[in-house]
Amino acid sequence: MKSLPLRQAEKTLLSAAVSSVERCVRAYTFKKDRFVSMQVLADGTITVEEYGFRKETAAYLSSDKSAIRKALKEAFAREFPRSHRVYCEEQ
């Protein structure tokens, strides 16, 4: 797990969305009690999961980039309101 600036972590999750390889990327807070996760599945579905203030999961088609970007930006703003650095982990 490595510490990244918040905006770079957000771009890391967005770049995973354009990948055709099946992967999961998570961004954790400093205390590691909240996270935002994005999972790319082989069937072209992308799952965005929030665990913290809200505990919800949303699924999107990989072709719907604007909705994925909007969901990630909202999740980052909600889960990391005063954070400047987050921990990223690829599973």
PDB file of N, CA and C in Angstrom:
ATOM      1  N   MET A   1       0.849  -1.150   0.000  1.00  0.00           N
ATOM      2  CA  MET A   1       0.000   0.000   0.000  1.00  0.00           C
ATOM      3  C   MET A   1       0.907   1.229   0.000  1.00  0.00           C
ATOM      4  N   LYS A   2       0.627   2.153  -0.904  1.00  0.00           N
ATOM      5  CA  LYS A   2       1.461   3.344  -0.943  1.00  0.00           C
ATOM      6  C   LYS A   2       0.613   4.594  -0.778  1.00  0.00           C
ATOM      7  N   SER A   3       1.219   5.597  -0.191  1.00  0.00           N
ATOM      8  CA  SER A   3       0.551   6.854   0.045  1.00  0.00           C
ATOM      9  C   SER A   3       0.670   7.731  -1.192  1.00  0.00           C
ATOM     10  N   LEU A   4      -0.465   8.266  -1.636  1.00  0.00           N
ATOM     11  CA  LEU A   4      -0.508   9.115  -2.823  1.00  0.00           C
ATOM     12  C   LEU A   4      -1.285  10.382  -2.513  1.00  0.00           C
ATOM     13  N   PRO A   5      -0.995  11.470  -3.228  1.00  0.00           N
ATOM     14  CA  PRO A   5      -1.865  12.646  -3.120  1.00  0.00           C
ATOM     15  C   PRO A   5      -3.275  12.285  -3.586  1.00  0.00           C
ATOM     16  N   LEU A   6      -4.250  12.972  -3.052  1.00  0.00           N
ATOM     17  CA  LEU A   6      -5.653  12.644  -3.309  1.00  0.00           C
ATOM     18  C   LEU A   6      -5.991  12.661  -4.792  1.00  0.00           C
ATOM     19  N   ARG A   7      -5.588  13.691  -5.501  1.00  0.00           N
ATOM     20  CA  ARG A   7      -5.921  13.801  -6.932  1.00  0.00           C
ATOM     21  C   ARG A   7      -5.232  12.716  -7.754  1.00  0.00           C
ATOM     22  N   GLN A   8      -4.032  12.349  -7.382  1.00  0.00           N
ATOM     23  CA  GLN A   8      -3.339  11.279  -8.103  1.00  0.00           C
ATOM     24  C   GLN A   8      -4.027   9.935  -7.866  1.00  0.00           C
ATOM     25  N   ALA A   9      -4.512   9.710  -6.665  1.00  0.00           N
ATOM     26  CA  ALA A   9      -5.245   8.477  -6.372  1.00  0.00           C
ATOM     27  C   ALA A   9      -6.541   8.417  -7.165  1.00  0.00           C
ATOM     28  N   GLU A  10      -7.190   9.559  -7.298  1.00  0.00           N
ATOM     29  CA  GLU A  10      -8.423   9.620  -8.086  1.00  0.00           C
ATOM     30  C   GLU A  10      -8.138   9.291  -9.552  1.00  0.00           C
ATOM     31  N   LYS A  11      -7.041   9.810 -10.076  1.00  0.00           N
ATOM     32  CA  LYS A  11      -6.664   9.516 -11.458  1.00  0.00           C
ATOM     33  C   LYS A  11      -6.248   8.055 -11.627  1.00  0.00           C
ATOM     34  N   THR A  12      -5.664   7.465 -10.594  1.00  0.00           N
ATOM     35  CA  THR A  12      -5.299   6.047 -10.643  1.00  0.00           C
ATOM     36  C   THR A  12      -6.546   5.178 -10.772  1.00  0.00           C
ATOM     37  N   LEU A  13      -7.584   5.497 -10.013  1.00  0.00           N
ATOM     38  CA  LEU A  13      -8.827   4.740 -10.117  1.00  0.00           C
ATOM     39  C   LEU A  13      -9.488   4.947 -11.473  1.00  0.00           C
ATOM     40  N   LEU A  14      -9.446   6.164 -11.989  1.00  0.00           N
ATOM     41  CA  LEU A  14     -10.032   6.424 -13.310  1.00  0.00           C
ATOM     42  C   LEU A  14      -9.272   5.715 -14.421  1.00  0.00           C
ATOM     43  N   SER A  15      -7.951   5.625 -14.294  1.00  0.00           N
ATOM     44  CA  SER A  15      -7.175   4.927 -15.322  1.00  0.00           C
ATOM     45  C   SER A  15      -7.433   3.424 -15.284  1.00  0.00           C
ATOM     46  N   ALA A  16      -7.786   2.899 -14.121  1.00  0.00           N
ATOM     47  CA  ALA A  16      -8.132   1.488 -14.027  1.00  0.00           C
ATOM     48  C   ALA A  16      -9.444   1.208 -14.751  1.00  0.00           C
ATOM     49  N   ALA A  17     -10.298   2.218 -14.870  1.00  0.00           N
ATOM     50  CA  ALA A  17     -11.589   2.037 -15.538  1.00  0.00           C
ATOM     51  C   ALA A  17     -11.430   1.802 -17.033  1.00  0.00           C
ATOM     52  N   VAL A  18     -10.410   2.382 -17.641  1.00  0.00           N
ATOM     53  CA  VAL A  18     -10.217   2.204 -19.080  1.00  0.00           C
ATOM     54  C   VAL A  18      -9.462   0.917 -19.389  1.00  0.00           C
ATOM     55  N   SER A  19      -8.963   0.268 -18.377  1.00  0.00           N
ATOM     56  CA  SER A  19      -8.226  -0.979 -18.557  1.00  0.00           C
ATOM     57  C   SER A  19      -9.175  -2.123 -18.914  1.00  0.00           C
ATOM     58  N   SER A  20      -8.731  -3.004 -19.772  1.00  0.00           N
ATOM     59  CA  SER A  20      -9.546  -4.165 -20.131  1.00  0.00           C
ATOM     60  C   SER A  20      -9.200  -5.371 -19.265  1.00  0.00           C
ATOM     61  N   VAL A  21      -8.210  -5.218 -18.411  1.00  0.00           N
ATOM     62  CA  VAL A  21      -7.775  -6.296 -17.522  1.00  0.00           C
ATOM     63  C   VAL A  21      -8.636  -6.263 -16.262  1.00  0.00           C
ATOM     64  N   GLU A  22      -8.987  -7.423 -15.769  1.00  0.00           N
ATOM     65  CA  GLU A  22      -9.775  -7.524 -14.558  1.00  0.00           C
ATOM     66  C   GLU A  22      -8.905  -7.117 -13.367  1.00  0.00           C
ATOM     67  N   ARG A  23      -9.349  -6.091 -12.616  1.00  0.00           N
ATOM     68  CA  ARG A  23      -8.553  -5.613 -11.486  1.00  0.00           C
ATOM     69  C   ARG A  23      -9.423  -4.866 -10.489  1.00  0.00           C
ATOM     70  N   CYS A  24      -8.874  -4.661  -9.297  1.00  0.00           N
ATOM     71  CA  CYS A  24      -9.571  -3.947  -8.236  1.00  0.00           C
ATOM     72  C   CYS A  24      -8.585  -2.975  -7.590  1.00  0.00           C
ATOM     73  N   VAL A  25      -8.977  -1.721  -7.464  1.00  0.00           N
ATOM     74  CA  VAL A  25      -8.136  -0.697  -6.858  1.00  0.00           C
ATOM     75  C   VAL A  25      -8.927  -0.054  -5.737  1.00  0.00           C
ATOM     76  N   ARG A  26      -8.282   0.089  -4.563  1.00  0.00           N
ATOM     77  CA  ARG A  26      -8.930   0.706  -3.408  1.00  0.00           C
ATOM     78  C   ARG A  26      -8.119   1.889  -2.914  1.00  0.00           C
ATOM     79  N   ALA A  27      -8.802   2.919  -2.451  1.00  0.00           N
ATOM     80  CA  ALA A  27      -8.180   4.085  -1.826  1.00  0.00           C
ATOM     81  C   ALA A  27      -8.699   4.171  -0.394  1.00  0.00           C
ATOM     82  N   TYR A  28      -7.767   4.141   0.570  1.00  0.00           N
ATOM     83  CA  TYR A  28      -8.098   4.164   1.990  1.00  0.00           C
ATOM     84  C   TYR A  28      -7.723   5.507   2.613  1.00  0.00           C
ATOM     85  N   THR A  29      -8.394   5.857   3.716  1.00  0.00           N
ATOM     86  CA  THR A  29      -8.012   7.017   4.502  1.00  0.00           C
ATOM     87  C   THR A  29      -6.758   6.687   5.299  1.00  0.00           C
ATOM     88  N   PHE A  30      -6.217   7.683   6.008  1.00  0.00           N
ATOM     89  CA  PHE A  30      -5.024   7.475   6.822  1.00  0.00           C
ATOM     90  C   PHE A  30      -5.252   6.415   7.890  1.00  0.00           C
ATOM     91  N   LYS A  31      -6.423   6.435   8.528  1.00  0.00           N
ATOM     92  CA  LYS A  31      -6.729   5.454   9.570  1.00  0.00           C
ATOM     93  C   LYS A  31      -7.197   4.121   9.002  1.00  0.00           C
ATOM     94  N   LYS A  32      -7.422   4.077   7.706  1.00  0.00           N
ATOM     95  CA  LYS A  32      -7.851   2.872   6.983  1.00  0.00           C
ATOM     96  C   LYS A  32      -9.200   2.353   7.478  1.00  0.00           C
ATOM     97  N   ASP A  33     -10.065   3.259   7.909  1.00  0.00           N
ATOM     98  CA  ASP A  33     -11.397   2.861   8.343  1.00  0.00           C
ATOM     99  C   ASP A  33     -12.460   3.121   7.280  1.00  0.00           C
ATOM    100  N   ARG A  34     -12.114   3.890   6.234  1.00  0.00           N
ATOM    101  CA  ARG A  34     -13.028   4.152   5.121  1.00  0.00           C
ATOM    102  C   ARG A  34     -12.277   3.920   3.823  1.00  0.00           C
ATOM    103  N   PHE A  35     -13.018   3.523   2.780  1.00  0.00           N
ATOM    104  CA  PHE A  35     -12.375   3.348   1.481  1.00  0.00           C
ATOM    105  C   PHE A  35     -13.364   3.551   0.350  1.00  0.00           C
ATOM    106  N   VAL A  36     -12.797   3.805  -0.827  1.00  0.00           N
ATOM    107  CA  VAL A  36     -13.526   3.829  -2.089  1.00  0.00           C
ATOM    108  C   VAL A  36     -12.834   2.796  -2.964  1.00  0.00           C
ATOM    109  N   SER A  37     -13.612   1.892  -3.534  1.00  0.00           N
ATOM    110  CA  SER A  37     -13.064   0.800  -4.317  1.00  0.00           C
ATOM    111  C   SER A  37     -13.683   0.783  -5.706  1.00  0.00           C
ATOM    112  N   MET A  38     -12.867   0.446  -6.696  1.00  0.00           N
ATOM    113  CA  MET A  38     -13.380   0.288  -8.048  1.00  0.00           C
ATOM    114  C   MET A  38     -12.877  -1.052  -8.583  1.00  0.00           C
ATOM    115  N   GLN A  39     -13.800  -1.865  -9.061  1.00  0.00           N
ATOM    116  CA  GLN A  39     -13.468  -3.189  -9.564  1.00  0.00           C
ATOM    117  C   GLN A  39     -13.904  -3.295 -11.020  1.00  0.00           C
ATOM    118  N   VAL A  40     -12.961  -3.685 -11.866  1.00  0.00           N
ATOM    119  CA  VAL A  40     -13.241  -3.894 -13.285  1.00  0.00           C
ATOM    120  C   VAL A  40     -13.417  -5.390 -13.493  1.00  0.00           C
ATOM    121  N   LEU A  41     -14.553  -5.790 -14.018  1.00  0.00           N
ATOM    122  CA  LEU A  41     -14.847  -7.204 -14.237  1.00  0.00           C
ATOM    123  C   LEU A  41     -14.657  -7.564 -15.700  1.00  0.00           C
ATOM    124  N   ALA A  42     -14.510  -8.826 -15.979  1.00  0.00           N
ATOM    125  CA  ALA A  42     -14.236  -9.307 -17.339  1.00  0.00           C
ATOM    126  C   ALA A  42     -15.414  -9.083 -18.288  1.00  0.00           C
ATOM    127  N   ASP A  43     -16.626  -9.016 -17.772  1.00  0.00           N
ATOM    128  CA  ASP A  43     -17.791  -8.859 -18.643  1.00  0.00           C
ATOM    129  C   ASP A  43     -18.058  -7.407 -19.036  1.00  0.00           C
ATOM    130  N   GLY A  44     -17.151  -6.487 -18.674  1.00  0.00           N
ATOM    131  CA  GLY A  44     -17.303  -5.082 -19.046  1.00  0.00           C
ATOM    132  C   GLY A  44     -18.062  -4.256 -18.039  1.00  0.00           C
ATOM    133  N   THR A  45     -18.265  -4.784 -16.855  1.00  0.00           N
ATOM    134  CA  THR A  45     -18.955  -4.075 -15.795  1.00  0.00           C
ATOM    135  C   THR A  45     -17.922  -3.490 -14.831  1.00  0.00           C
ATOM    136  N   ILE A  46     -18.175  -2.276 -14.379  1.00  0.00           N
ATOM    137  CA  ILE A  46     -17.307  -1.623 -13.408  1.00  0.00           C
ATOM    138  C   ILE A  46     -18.137  -1.349 -12.161  1.00  0.00           C
ATOM    139  N   THR A  47     -17.633  -1.789 -11.011  1.00  0.00           N
ATOM    140  CA  THR A  47     -18.326  -1.639  -9.752  1.00  0.00           C
ATOM    141  C   THR A  47     -17.590  -0.612  -8.898  1.00  0.00           C
ATOM    142  N   VAL A  48     -18.303   0.398  -8.434  1.00  0.00           N
ATOM    143  CA  VAL A  48     -17.753   1.410  -7.536  1.00  0.00           C
ATOM    144  C   VAL A  48     -18.380   1.183  -6.168  1.00  0.00           C
ATOM    145  N   GLU A  49     -17.537   0.947  -5.160  1.00  0.00           N
ATOM    146  CA  GLU A  49     -18.018   0.654  -3.818  1.00  0.00           C
ATOM    147  C   GLU A  49     -17.499   1.713  -2.851  1.00  0.00           C
ATOM    148  N   GLU A  50     -18.381   2.183  -2.001  1.00  0.00           N
ATOM    149  CA  GLU A  50     -18.043   3.134  -0.949  1.00  0.00           C
ATOM    150  C   GLU A  50     -18.239   2.452   0.385  1.00  0.00           C
ATOM    151  N   TYR A  51     -17.284   2.597   1.275  1.00  0.00           N
ATOM    152  CA  TYR A  51     -17.449   2.046   2.616  1.00  0.00           C
ATOM    153  C   TYR A  51     -16.930   3.095   3.593  1.00  0.00           C
ATOM    154  N   GLY A  52     -17.837   3.723   4.308  1.00  0.00           N
ATOM    155  CA  GLY A  52     -17.463   4.777   5.241  1.00  0.00           C
ATOM    156  C   GLY A  52     -18.712   5.477   5.709  1.00  0.00           C
ATOM    157  N   PHE A  53     -18.877   6.736   5.298  1.00  0.00           N
ATOM    158  CA  PHE A  53     -20.085   7.473   5.651  1.00  0.00           C
ATOM    159  C   PHE A  53     -21.305   6.810   5.022  1.00  0.00           C
ATOM    160  N   ARG A  54     -21.145   6.355   3.812  1.00  0.00           N
ATOM    161  CA  ARG A  54     -22.185   5.568   3.141  1.00  0.00           C
ATOM    162  C   ARG A  54     -21.606   4.213   2.806  1.00  0.00           C
ATOM    163  N   LYS A  55     -22.447   3.214   2.869  1.00  0.00           N
ATOM    164  CA  LYS A  55     -22.037   1.864   2.485  1.00  0.00           C
ATOM    165  C   LYS A  55     -22.899   1.456   1.307  1.00  0.00           C
ATOM    166  N   GLU A  56     -22.401   1.741   0.103  1.00  0.00           N
ATOM    167  CA  GLU A  56     -23.186   1.427  -1.080  1.00  0.00           C
ATOM    168  C   GLU A  56     -22.282   0.994  -2.220  1.00  0.00           C
ATOM    169  N   THR A  57     -22.887   0.262  -3.134  1.00  0.00           N
ATOM    170  CA  THR A  57     -22.198  -0.250  -4.308  1.00  0.00           C
ATOM    171  C   THR A  57     -23.033   0.101  -5.532  1.00  0.00           C
ATOM    172  N   ALA A  58     -22.355   0.552  -6.580  1.00  0.00           N
ATOM    173  CA  ALA A  58     -23.039   0.888  -7.827  1.00  0.00           C
ATOM    174  C   ALA A  58     -22.285   0.227  -8.977  1.00  0.00           C
ATOM    175  N   ALA A  59     -23.029  -0.287  -9.955  1.00  0.00           N
ATOM    176  CA  ALA A  59     -22.428  -0.949 -11.121  1.00  0.00           C
ATOM    177  C   ALA A  59     -22.691  -0.105 -12.366  1.00  0.00           C
ATOM    178  N   TYR A  60     -21.669  -0.010 -13.213  1.00  0.00           N
ATOM    179  CA  TYR A  60     -21.741   0.764 -14.449  1.00  0.00           C
ATOM    180  C   TYR A  60     -21.181  -0.061 -15.588  1.00  0.00           C
ATOM    181  N   LEU A  61     -21.591   0.254 -16.801  1.00  0.00           N
ATOM    182  CA  LEU A  61     -20.973  -0.344 -17.984  1.00  0.00           C
ATOM    183  C   LEU A  61     -19.669   0.385 -18.255  1.00  0.00           C
ATOM    184  N   SER A  62     -18.693  -0.323 -18.773  1.00  0.00           N
ATOM    185  CA  SER A  62     -17.386   0.290 -19.011  1.00  0.00           C
ATOM    186  C   SER A  62     -17.445   1.388 -20.067  1.00  0.00           C
ATOM    187  N   SER A  63     -18.477   1.403 -20.903  1.00  0.00           N
ATOM    188  CA  SER A  63     -18.610   2.430 -21.941  1.00  0.00           C
ATOM    189  C   SER A  63     -19.139   3.755 -21.381  1.00  0.00           C
ATOM    190  N   ASP A  64     -19.681   3.752 -20.175  1.00  0.00           N
ATOM    191  CA  ASP A  64     -20.273   4.944 -19.570  1.00  0.00           C
ATOM    192  C   ASP A  64     -19.242   5.670 -18.690  1.00  0.00           C
ATOM    193  N   LYS A  65     -18.217   6.240 -19.323  1.00  0.00           N
ATOM    194  CA  LYS A  65     -17.098   6.868 -18.610  1.00  0.00           C
ATOM    195  C   LYS A  65     -17.513   8.088 -17.799  1.00  0.00           C
ATOM    196  N   SER A  66     -18.424   8.886 -18.307  1.00  0.00           N
ATOM    197  CA  SER A  66     -18.808  10.105 -17.590  1.00  0.00           C
ATOM    198  C   SER A  66     -19.529   9.781 -16.275  1.00  0.00           C
ATOM    199  N   ALA A  67     -20.365   8.764 -16.273  1.00  0.00           N
ATOM    200  CA  ALA A  67     -21.053   8.372 -15.040  1.00  0.00           C
ATOM    201  C   ALA A  67     -20.080   7.798 -14.016  1.00  0.00           C
ATOM    202  N   ILE A  68     -19.094   7.049 -14.491  1.00  0.00           N
ATOM    203  CA  ILE A  68     -18.077   6.484 -13.593  1.00  0.00           C
ATOM    204  C   ILE A  68     -17.254   7.606 -12.978  1.00  0.00           C
ATOM    205  N   ARG A  69     -16.839   8.558 -13.803  1.00  0.00           N
ATOM    206  CA  ARG A  69     -16.045   9.692 -13.319  1.00  0.00           C
ATOM    207  C   ARG A  69     -16.833  10.501 -12.286  1.00  0.00           C
ATOM    208  N   LYS A  70     -18.109  10.754 -12.551  1.00  0.00           N
ATOM    209  CA  LYS A  70     -18.945  11.510 -11.633  1.00  0.00           C
ATOM    210  C   LYS A  70     -19.121  10.761 -10.308  1.00  0.00           C
ATOM    211  N   ALA A  71     -19.352   9.453 -10.384  1.00  0.00           N
ATOM    212  CA  ALA A  71     -19.531   8.649  -9.170  1.00  0.00           C
ATOM    213  C   ALA A  71     -18.263   8.636  -8.324  1.00  0.00           C
ATOM    214  N   LEU A  72     -17.099   8.514  -8.975  1.00  0.00           N
ATOM    215  CA  LEU A  72     -15.841   8.516  -8.236  1.00  0.00           C
ATOM    216  C   LEU A  72     -15.570   9.876  -7.601  1.00  0.00           C
ATOM    217  N   LYS A  73     -15.805  10.950  -8.314  1.00  0.00           N
ATOM    218  CA  LYS A  73     -15.577  12.290  -7.764  1.00  0.00           C
ATOM    219  C   LYS A  73     -16.474  12.539  -6.550  1.00  0.00           C
ATOM    220  N   GLU A  74     -17.740  12.139  -6.650  1.00  0.00           N
ATOM    221  CA  GLU A  74     -18.656  12.312  -5.520  1.00  0.00           C
ATOM    222  C   GLU A  74     -18.244  11.449  -4.332  1.00  0.00           C
ATOM    223  N   ALA A  75     -17.825  10.218  -4.601  1.00  0.00           N
ATOM    224  CA  ALA A  75     -17.404   9.320  -3.528  1.00  0.00           C
ATOM    225  C   ALA A  75     -16.145   9.849  -2.846  1.00  0.00           C
ATOM    226  N   PHE A  76     -15.185  10.346  -3.624  1.00  0.00           N
ATOM    227  CA  PHE A  76     -13.966  10.903  -3.046  1.00  0.00           C
ATOM    228  C   PHE A  76     -14.279  12.136  -2.210  1.00  0.00           C
ATOM    229  N   ALA A  77     -15.166  12.994  -2.688  1.00  0.00           N
ATOM    230  CA  ALA A  77     -15.522  14.195  -1.930  1.00  0.00           C
ATOM    231  C   ALA A  77     -16.237  13.836  -0.626  1.00  0.00           C
ATOM    232  N   ARG A  78     -17.033  12.790  -0.651  1.00  0.00           N
ATOM    233  CA  ARG A  78     -17.785  12.389   0.534  1.00  0.00           C
ATOM    234  C   ARG A  78     -16.911  11.637   1.536  1.00  0.00           C
ATOM    235  N   GLU A  79     -16.076  10.741   1.076  1.00  0.00           N
ATOM    236  CA  GLU A  79     -15.287   9.892   1.974  1.00  0.00           C
ATOM    237  C   GLU A  79     -13.985  10.537   2.432  1.00  0.00           C
ATOM    238  N   PHE A  80     -13.412  11.421   1.627  1.00  0.00           N
ATOM    239  CA  PHE A  80     -12.135  12.052   1.962  1.00  0.00           C
ATOM    240  C   PHE A  80     -12.274  13.580   1.944  1.00  0.00           C
ATOM    241  N   PRO A  81     -13.143  14.169   2.786  1.00  0.00           N
ATOM    242  CA  PRO A  81     -13.416  15.603   2.670  1.00  0.00           C
ATOM    243  C   PRO A  81     -12.234  16.498   3.019  1.00  0.00           C
ATOM    244  N   ARG A  82     -11.418  16.131   3.988  1.00  0.00           N
ATOM    245  CA  ARG A  82     -10.304  16.980   4.395  1.00  0.00           C
ATOM    246  C   ARG A  82      -8.958  16.295   4.214  1.00  0.00           C
ATOM    247  N   SER A  83      -8.919  15.244   3.447  1.00  0.00           N
ATOM    248  CA  SER A  83      -7.678  14.508   3.244  1.00  0.00           C
ATOM    249  C   SER A  83      -6.882  15.084   2.084  1.00  0.00           C
ATOM    250  N   HIS A  84      -5.576  15.043   2.237  1.00  0.00           N
ATOM    251  CA  HIS A  84      -4.687  15.452   1.160  1.00  0.00           C
ATOM    252  C   HIS A  84      -3.954  14.251   0.586  1.00  0.00           C
ATOM    253  N   ARG A  85      -3.832  13.207   1.399  1.00  0.00           N
ATOM    254  CA  ARG A  85      -3.151  11.989   0.968  1.00  0.00           C
ATOM    255  C   ARG A  85      -4.009  10.782   1.343  1.00  0.00           C
ATOM    256  N   VAL A  86      -3.997   9.766   0.485  1.00  0.00           N
ATOM    257  CA  VAL A  86      -4.708   8.519   0.737  1.00  0.00           C
ATOM    258  C   VAL A  86      -3.775   7.356   0.413  1.00  0.00           C
ATOM    259  N   TYR A  87      -4.130   6.191   0.902  1.00  0.00           N
ATOM    260  CA  TYR A  87      -3.376   4.990   0.612  1.00  0.00           C
ATOM    261  C   TYR A  87      -4.079   4.237  -0.510  1.00  0.00           C
ATOM    262  N   CYS A  88      -3.319   3.834  -1.526  1.00  0.00           N
ATOM    263  CA  CYS A  88      -3.872   3.066  -2.639  1.00  0.00           C
ATOM    264  C   CYS A  88      -3.344   1.641  -2.598  1.00  0.00           C
ATOM    265  N   GLU A  89      -4.217   0.721  -2.927  1.00  0.00           N
ATOM    266  CA  GLU A  89      -3.859  -0.688  -2.945  1.00  0.00           C
ATOM    267  C   GLU A  89      -4.531  -1.323  -4.154  1.00  0.00           C
ATOM    268  N   GLU A  90      -3.772  -2.107  -4.884  1.00  0.00           N
ATOM    269  CA  GLU A  90      -4.327  -2.827  -6.025  1.00  0.00           C
ATOM    270  C   GLU A  90      -4.412  -4.296  -5.652  1.00  0.00           C
ATOM    271  N   GLN A  91      -5.588  -4.871  -5.877  1.00  0.00           N
ATOM    272  CA  GLN A  91      -5.799  -6.279  -5.513  1.00  0.00           C
ATOM    273  C   GLN A  91      -5.936  -7.116  -6.743  1.00  0.00           C
TER     274      GLN A  91
END
